[in-house]
Amino acid sequence: MTRSEIIRQIKASALEVEISTIFELELGEPPEIDGDQYKITPEGSQQFAMDGSGGTFNLMPDGKILLIDSEGSFGVVASDFNEFVAIATGLPSWRDALRFVGEPDLRQARAAWAAYIQKWGMDEALNKPWPYEHGGYSVATPGEAREAIRERLGVGASADPFVALYRAVNELNDGVAVSRQGEPLILFGRQP
């Protein structure tokens, strides 16, 4: 899938507001700021979206999805766009899950993530109305929106989205490096 196809698919879904909220992305490119460029290895990635705080979503030459956040972290978060859709729609807050993927033991990472979900009532929130009434949502709840997004984009649900994210960050980043103004960024879930 190309950058243009990803953008076209999102726009054609008629769920752009829901996708923006759940995926935590905004289509397009941020304004260029001198000296604020990322150097990505391998070369040839294409940005297809940004997040609300200056991070970017990039399509790598091999189809992997790379996220660079504004906090100095990066990582391949999915092997391709379809897996990214399955992960983002399968976890109650996939960006929060990135905090836990650096744990070297998958069982401990999963347990910490489960405790976090329970503490903040994230699963229950999926079946409640959107927290922002004026958001322009066409689907009543975040849970219903996740199913609608997968259906409209033709993507199946992930059997275990946390494991898919954990494996992407821990197994798909060999040879991938990101630096900003000459300073290397760290992989998600790792300590600086």
C-alpha atoms as a PDB file:
ATOM      1  CA  MET A   1       0.000   0.000   0.000  1.00  0.00           C
ATOM      2  CA  THR A   2       1.302   3.468  -0.832  1.00  0.00           C
ATOM      3  CA  ARG A   3       1.098   6.707   1.133  1.00  0.00           C
ATOM      4  CA  SER A   4      -1.586   7.995  -1.254  1.00  0.00           C
ATOM      5  CA  GLU A   5      -3.625   4.804  -0.893  1.00  0.00           C
ATOM      6  CA  ILE A   6      -3.523   5.030   2.911  1.00  0.00           C
ATOM      7  CA  ILE A   7      -4.735   8.635   2.859  1.00  0.00           C
ATOM      8  CA  ARG A   8      -7.385   7.867   0.230  1.00  0.00           C
ATOM      9  CA  GLN A   9      -8.669   4.870   2.232  1.00  0.00           C
ATOM     10  CA  ILE A  10      -8.995   6.894   5.420  1.00  0.00           C
ATOM     11  CA  LYS A  11     -10.786   9.757   3.673  1.00  0.00           C
ATOM     12  CA  ALA A  12     -13.107   7.407   1.761  1.00  0.00           C
ATOM     13  CA  SER A  13     -14.110   5.574   4.944  1.00  0.00           C
ATOM     14  CA  ALA A  14     -16.459   8.400   6.016  1.00  0.00           C
ATOM     15  CA  LEU A  15     -15.020   7.779   9.504  1.00  0.00           C
ATOM     16  CA  GLU A  16     -12.118  10.216   9.358  1.00  0.00           C
ATOM     17  CA  VAL A  17     -13.071  11.840  12.695  1.00  0.00           C
ATOM     18  CA  GLU A  18     -13.276   8.459  14.428  1.00  0.00           C
ATOM     19  CA  ILE A  19     -10.006   7.290  12.848  1.00  0.00           C
ATOM     20  CA  SER A  20      -8.289  10.520  13.860  1.00  0.00           C
ATOM     21  CA  THR A  21      -9.412  10.067  17.452  1.00  0.00           C
ATOM     22  CA  ILE A  22      -8.743   6.334  17.843  1.00  0.00           C
ATOM     23  CA  PHE A  23      -5.476   6.262  15.893  1.00  0.00           C
ATOM     24  CA  GLU A  24      -4.412   9.637  17.352  1.00  0.00           C
ATOM     25  CA  LEU A  25      -3.418  10.988  13.959  1.00  0.00           C
ATOM     26  CA  GLU A  26      -4.120  13.849  11.618  1.00  0.00           C
ATOM     27  CA  LEU A  27      -3.656  13.334   7.908  1.00  0.00           C
ATOM     28  CA  GLY A  28      -1.142  15.538   6.169  1.00  0.00           C
ATOM     29  CA  GLU A  29       2.254  16.962   6.827  1.00  0.00           C
ATOM     30  CA  PRO A  30       3.298  19.471   9.488  1.00  0.00           C
ATOM     31  CA  PRO A  31       4.796  22.749   8.409  1.00  0.00           C
ATOM     32  CA  GLU A  32       8.535  22.508   7.868  1.00  0.00           C
ATOM     33  CA  ILE A  33      10.568  24.102  10.624  1.00  0.00           C
ATOM     34  CA  ASP A  34      14.248  24.699   9.916  1.00  0.00           C
ATOM     35  CA  GLY A  35      16.457  22.393  11.955  1.00  0.00           C
ATOM     36  CA  ASP A  36      13.503  20.310  13.141  1.00  0.00           C
ATOM     37  CA  GLN A  37      13.875  17.486  10.629  1.00  0.00           C
ATOM     38  CA  TYR A  38      14.102  13.802  11.426  1.00  0.00           C
ATOM     39  CA  LYS A  39      16.712  11.620   9.796  1.00  0.00           C
ATOM     40  CA  ILE A  40      15.271   8.146   9.272  1.00  0.00           C
ATOM     41  CA  THR A  41      17.271   5.061   8.353  1.00  0.00           C
ATOM     42  CA  PRO A  42      16.644   3.325   6.041  1.00  0.00           C
ATOM     43  CA  GLU A  43      15.915   6.225   3.736  1.00  0.00           C
ATOM     44  CA  GLY A  44      12.774   6.482   1.653  1.00  0.00           C
ATOM     45  CA  SER A  45      10.021   6.635   4.256  1.00  0.00           C
ATOM     46  CA  GLN A  46       6.991   8.810   3.520  1.00  0.00           C
ATOM     47  CA  GLN A  47       5.033  10.663   6.159  1.00  0.00           C
ATOM     48  CA  PHE A  48       1.287  10.164   5.832  1.00  0.00           C
ATOM     49  CA  ALA A  49       0.036  11.730   9.064  1.00  0.00           C
ATOM     50  CA  MET A  50       1.069  13.532  12.209  1.00  0.00           C
ATOM     51  CA  ASP A  51      -0.100  13.411  15.782  1.00  0.00           C
ATOM     52  CA  GLY A  52      -1.312  16.409  17.724  1.00  0.00           C
ATOM     53  CA  SER A  53       2.022  17.104  19.402  1.00  0.00           C
ATOM     54  CA  GLY A  54       4.516  17.134  16.552  1.00  0.00           C
ATOM     55  CA  GLY A  55       5.043  13.424  16.028  1.00  0.00           C
ATOM     56  CA  THR A  56       4.788  11.744  12.654  1.00  0.00           C
ATOM     57  CA  PHE A  57       3.406   8.545  11.145  1.00  0.00           C
ATOM     58  CA  ASN A  58       5.586   7.249   8.331  1.00  0.00           C
ATOM     59  CA  LEU A  59       5.243   4.534   5.745  1.00  0.00           C
ATOM     60  CA  MET A  60       8.599   2.759   5.428  1.00  0.00           C
ATOM     61  CA  PRO A  61       9.825   1.552   2.011  1.00  0.00           C
ATOM     62  CA  ASP A  62       8.952  -2.047   2.979  1.00  0.00           C
ATOM     63  CA  GLY A  63       5.400  -1.097   4.075  1.00  0.00           C
ATOM     64  CA  LYS A  64       6.008  -1.017   7.840  1.00  0.00           C
ATOM     65  CA  ILE A  65       4.415   1.777   9.860  1.00  0.00           C
ATOM     66  CA  LEU A  66       6.894   3.906  11.821  1.00  0.00           C
ATOM     67  CA  LEU A  67       5.784   6.297  14.552  1.00  0.00           C
ATOM     68  CA  ILE A  68       8.065   9.071  15.743  1.00  0.00           C
ATOM     69  CA  ASP A  69       6.704  10.918  18.760  1.00  0.00           C
ATOM     70  CA  SER A  70       7.559  14.382  19.991  1.00  0.00           C
ATOM     71  CA  GLU A  71       8.977  13.001  23.252  1.00  0.00           C
ATOM     72  CA  GLY A  72      12.113  11.513  21.688  1.00  0.00           C
ATOM     73  CA  SER A  73      10.868   7.971  21.031  1.00  0.00           C
ATOM     74  CA  PHE A  74      10.229   6.025  17.851  1.00  0.00           C
ATOM     75  CA  GLY A  75       9.410   2.554  16.634  1.00  0.00           C
ATOM     76  CA  VAL A  76       7.886   0.431  13.946  1.00  0.00           C
ATOM     77  CA  VAL A  77       4.397  -0.162  15.333  1.00  0.00           C
ATOM     78  CA  ALA A  78       3.061  -2.543  12.659  1.00  0.00           C
ATOM     79  CA  SER A  79       4.290  -4.659   9.775  1.00  0.00           C
ATOM     80  CA  ASP A  80       1.862  -2.900   7.406  1.00  0.00           C
ATOM     81  CA  PHE A  81      -1.129  -0.564   7.385  1.00  0.00           C
ATOM     82  CA  ASN A  82      -3.689  -3.352   7.863  1.00  0.00           C
ATOM     83  CA  GLU A  83      -1.895  -4.591  10.974  1.00  0.00           C
ATOM     84  CA  PHE A  84      -1.741  -0.996  12.220  1.00  0.00           C
ATOM     85  CA  VAL A  85      -5.520  -0.701  11.808  1.00  0.00           C
ATOM     86  CA  ALA A  86      -6.034  -4.000  13.686  1.00  0.00           C
ATOM     87  CA  ILE A  87      -3.754  -2.896  16.545  1.00  0.00           C
ATOM     88  CA  ALA A  88      -5.135   0.639  16.877  1.00  0.00           C
ATOM     89  CA  THR A  89      -8.745  -0.565  16.821  1.00  0.00           C
ATOM     90  CA  GLY A  90      -8.046  -3.583  19.028  1.00  0.00           C
ATOM     91  CA  LEU A  91      -6.519  -1.826  22.028  1.00  0.00           C
ATOM     92  CA  PRO A  92      -8.445   0.633  24.207  1.00  0.00           C
ATOM     93  CA  SER A  93      -5.561   3.119  23.863  1.00  0.00           C
ATOM     94  CA  TRP A  94      -2.827   1.819  21.622  1.00  0.00           C
ATOM     95  CA  ARG A  95      -0.571   4.834  22.249  1.00  0.00           C
ATOM     96  CA  ASP A  96      -0.654   4.172  26.001  1.00  0.00           C
ATOM     97  CA  ALA A  97       0.274   0.548  25.303  1.00  0.00           C
ATOM     98  CA  LEU A  98       3.581   1.774  23.846  1.00  0.00           C
ATOM     99  CA  ARG A  99       4.728   2.534  27.405  1.00  0.00           C
ATOM    100  CA  PHE A 100       4.667  -1.167  28.210  1.00  0.00           C
ATOM    101  CA  VAL A 101       6.266  -2.772  25.152  1.00  0.00           C
ATOM    102  CA  GLY A 102       9.837  -2.172  26.324  1.00  0.00           C
ATOM    103  CA  GLU A 103       9.502  -4.759  29.090  1.00  0.00           C
ATOM    104  CA  PRO A 104      11.736  -7.692  28.020  1.00  0.00           C
ATOM    105  CA  ASP A 105       9.262 -10.295  29.288  1.00  0.00           C
ATOM    106  CA  LEU A 106       5.995 -10.410  27.322  1.00  0.00           C
ATOM    107  CA  ARG A 107       4.030 -11.830  30.266  1.00  0.00           C
ATOM    108  CA  GLN A 108       5.151  -9.012  32.549  1.00  0.00           C
ATOM    109  CA  ALA A 109       4.416  -6.443  29.851  1.00  0.00           C
ATOM    110  CA  ARG A 110       0.916  -7.870  29.345  1.00  0.00           C
ATOM    111  CA  ALA A 111       0.249  -7.944  33.104  1.00  0.00           C
ATOM    112  CA  ALA A 112       1.349  -4.319  33.521  1.00  0.00           C
ATOM    113  CA  TRP A 113      -0.821  -3.288  30.544  1.00  0.00           C
ATOM    114  CA  ALA A 114      -3.841  -5.186  31.939  1.00  0.00           C
ATOM    115  CA  ALA A 115      -3.417  -3.486  35.331  1.00  0.00           C
ATOM    116  CA  TYR A 116      -3.235  -0.097  33.601  1.00  0.00           C
ATOM    117  CA  ILE A 117      -6.421  -0.779  31.618  1.00  0.00           C
ATOM    118  CA  GLN A 118      -8.256  -1.865  34.743  1.00  0.00           C
ATOM    119  CA  LYS A 119      -7.009   1.069  36.839  1.00  0.00           C
ATOM    120  CA  TRP A 120      -8.261   3.616  34.312  1.00  0.00           C
ATOM    121  CA  GLY A 121     -11.455   1.742  33.286  1.00  0.00           C
ATOM    122  CA  MET A 122     -10.429   1.842  29.650  1.00  0.00           C
ATOM    123  CA  ASP A 123     -12.427  -1.181  28.498  1.00  0.00           C
ATOM    124  CA  GLU A 124     -15.647   0.193  29.995  1.00  0.00           C
ATOM    125  CA  ALA A 125     -15.111   3.564  28.292  1.00  0.00           C
ATOM    126  CA  LEU A 126     -15.336   1.913  24.868  1.00  0.00           C
ATOM    127  CA  ASN A 127     -19.076   1.340  25.318  1.00  0.00           C
ATOM    128  CA  LYS A 128     -19.881   4.814  26.612  1.00  0.00           C
ATOM    129  CA  PRO A 129     -20.631   7.802  24.372  1.00  0.00           C
ATOM    130  CA  TRP A 130     -17.670   9.772  23.056  1.00  0.00           C
ATOM    131  CA  PRO A 131     -16.264  12.104  25.697  1.00  0.00           C
ATOM    132  CA  TYR A 132     -16.477  15.029  23.259  1.00  0.00           C
ATOM    133  CA  GLU A 133     -20.067  15.533  22.116  1.00  0.00           C
ATOM    134  CA  HIS A 134     -19.190  18.198  19.547  1.00  0.00           C
ATOM    135  CA  GLY A 135     -16.584  16.034  17.829  1.00  0.00           C
ATOM    136  CA  GLY A 136     -18.616  15.268  14.704  1.00  0.00           C
ATOM    137  CA  TYR A 137     -18.681  11.511  15.232  1.00  0.00           C
ATOM    138  CA  SER A 138     -20.991   9.456  13.047  1.00  0.00           C
ATOM    139  CA  VAL A 139     -20.831   6.364  15.286  1.00  0.00           C
ATOM    140  CA  ALA A 140     -22.240   6.438  18.840  1.00  0.00           C
ATOM    141  CA  THR A 141     -19.369   4.935  20.863  1.00  0.00           C
ATOM    142  CA  PRO A 142     -15.634   4.316  20.492  1.00  0.00           C
ATOM    143  CA  GLY A 143     -16.269   0.557  20.614  1.00  0.00           C
ATOM    144  CA  GLU A 144     -18.756   0.685  17.745  1.00  0.00           C
ATOM    145  CA  ALA A 145     -16.407   2.972  15.805  1.00  0.00           C
ATOM    146  CA  ARG A 146     -13.570   0.448  16.076  1.00  0.00           C
ATOM    147  CA  GLU A 147     -15.715  -2.247  14.475  1.00  0.00           C
ATOM    148  CA  ALA A 148     -16.980   0.162  11.795  1.00  0.00           C
ATOM    149  CA  ILE A 149     -13.435   1.248  10.941  1.00  0.00           C
ATOM    150  CA  ARG A 150     -12.242  -2.335  10.490  1.00  0.00           C
ATOM    151  CA  GLU A 151     -15.285  -3.120   8.346  1.00  0.00           C
ATOM    152  CA  ARG A 152     -14.924  -0.050   6.118  1.00  0.00           C
ATOM    153  CA  LEU A 153     -11.175  -0.542   5.694  1.00  0.00           C
ATOM    154  CA  GLY A 154     -11.576  -4.284   5.102  1.00  0.00           C
ATOM    155  CA  VAL A 155      -9.346  -5.320   8.012  1.00  0.00           C
ATOM    156  CA  GLY A 156     -10.016  -8.207  10.377  1.00  0.00           C
ATOM    157  CA  ALA A 157      -9.696  -7.936  14.137  1.00  0.00           C
ATOM    158  CA  SER A 158      -6.381  -8.951  15.668  1.00  0.00           C
ATOM    159  CA  ALA A 159      -6.505 -12.059  17.846  1.00  0.00           C
ATOM    160  CA  ASP A 160      -4.137 -10.327  20.283  1.00  0.00           C
ATOM    161  CA  PRO A 161      -3.404  -6.682  19.425  1.00  0.00           C
ATOM    162  CA  PHE A 162      -1.103  -6.170  22.421  1.00  0.00           C
ATOM    163  CA  VAL A 163       1.141  -9.041  21.310  1.00  0.00           C
ATOM    164  CA  ALA A 164       1.091  -7.695  17.728  1.00  0.00           C
ATOM    165  CA  LEU A 165       2.249  -4.270  18.967  1.00  0.00           C
ATOM    166  CA  TYR A 166       4.823  -5.805  21.318  1.00  0.00           C
ATOM    167  CA  ARG A 167       6.278  -7.920  18.523  1.00  0.00           C
ATOM    168  CA  ALA A 168       6.318  -5.036  16.047  1.00  0.00           C
ATOM    169  CA  VAL A 169       8.302  -2.806  18.389  1.00  0.00           C
ATOM    170  CA  ASN A 170      10.603  -5.575  19.594  1.00  0.00           C
ATOM    171  CA  GLU A 171      11.135  -7.520  16.365  1.00  0.00           C
ATOM    172  CA  LEU A 172      10.669  -5.155  13.403  1.00  0.00           C
ATOM    173  CA  ASN A 173      13.083  -2.354  14.300  1.00  0.00           C
ATOM    174  CA  ASP A 174      16.364  -3.980  13.288  1.00  0.00           C
ATOM    175  CA  GLY A 175      18.144  -1.561  10.995  1.00  0.00           C
ATOM    176  CA  VAL A 176      15.711   1.280  11.755  1.00  0.00           C
ATOM    177  CA  ALA A 177      17.114   4.408  13.371  1.00  0.00           C
ATOM    178  CA  VAL A 178      15.775   7.906  13.852  1.00  0.00           C
ATOM    179  CA  SER A 179      17.612  11.030  14.901  1.00  0.00           C
ATOM    180  CA  ARG A 180      16.555  14.625  15.297  1.00  0.00           C
ATOM    181  CA  GLN A 181      19.087  17.392  14.934  1.00  0.00           C
ATOM    182  CA  GLY A 182      21.810  14.736  15.193  1.00  0.00           C
ATOM    183  CA  GLU A 183      20.511  13.222  18.457  1.00  0.00           C
ATOM    184  CA  PRO A 184      19.338   9.590  18.275  1.00  0.00           C
ATOM    185  CA  LEU A 185      15.829   8.863  19.479  1.00  0.00           C
ATOM    186  CA  ILE A 186      15.086   5.858  21.697  1.00  0.00           C
ATOM    187  CA  LEU A 187      12.850   2.907  20.950  1.00  0.00           C
ATOM    188  CA  PHE A 188       9.386   2.974  22.580  1.00  0.00           C
ATOM    189  CA  GLY A 189       9.267   1.680  26.118  1.00  0.00           C
ATOM    190  CA  ARG A 190      13.012   2.017  26.658  1.00  0.00           C
ATOM    191  CA  GLN A 191      14.659   4.271  29.191  1.00  0.00           C
ATOM    192  CA  PRO A 192      16.818   7.148  27.906  1.00  0.00           C
END
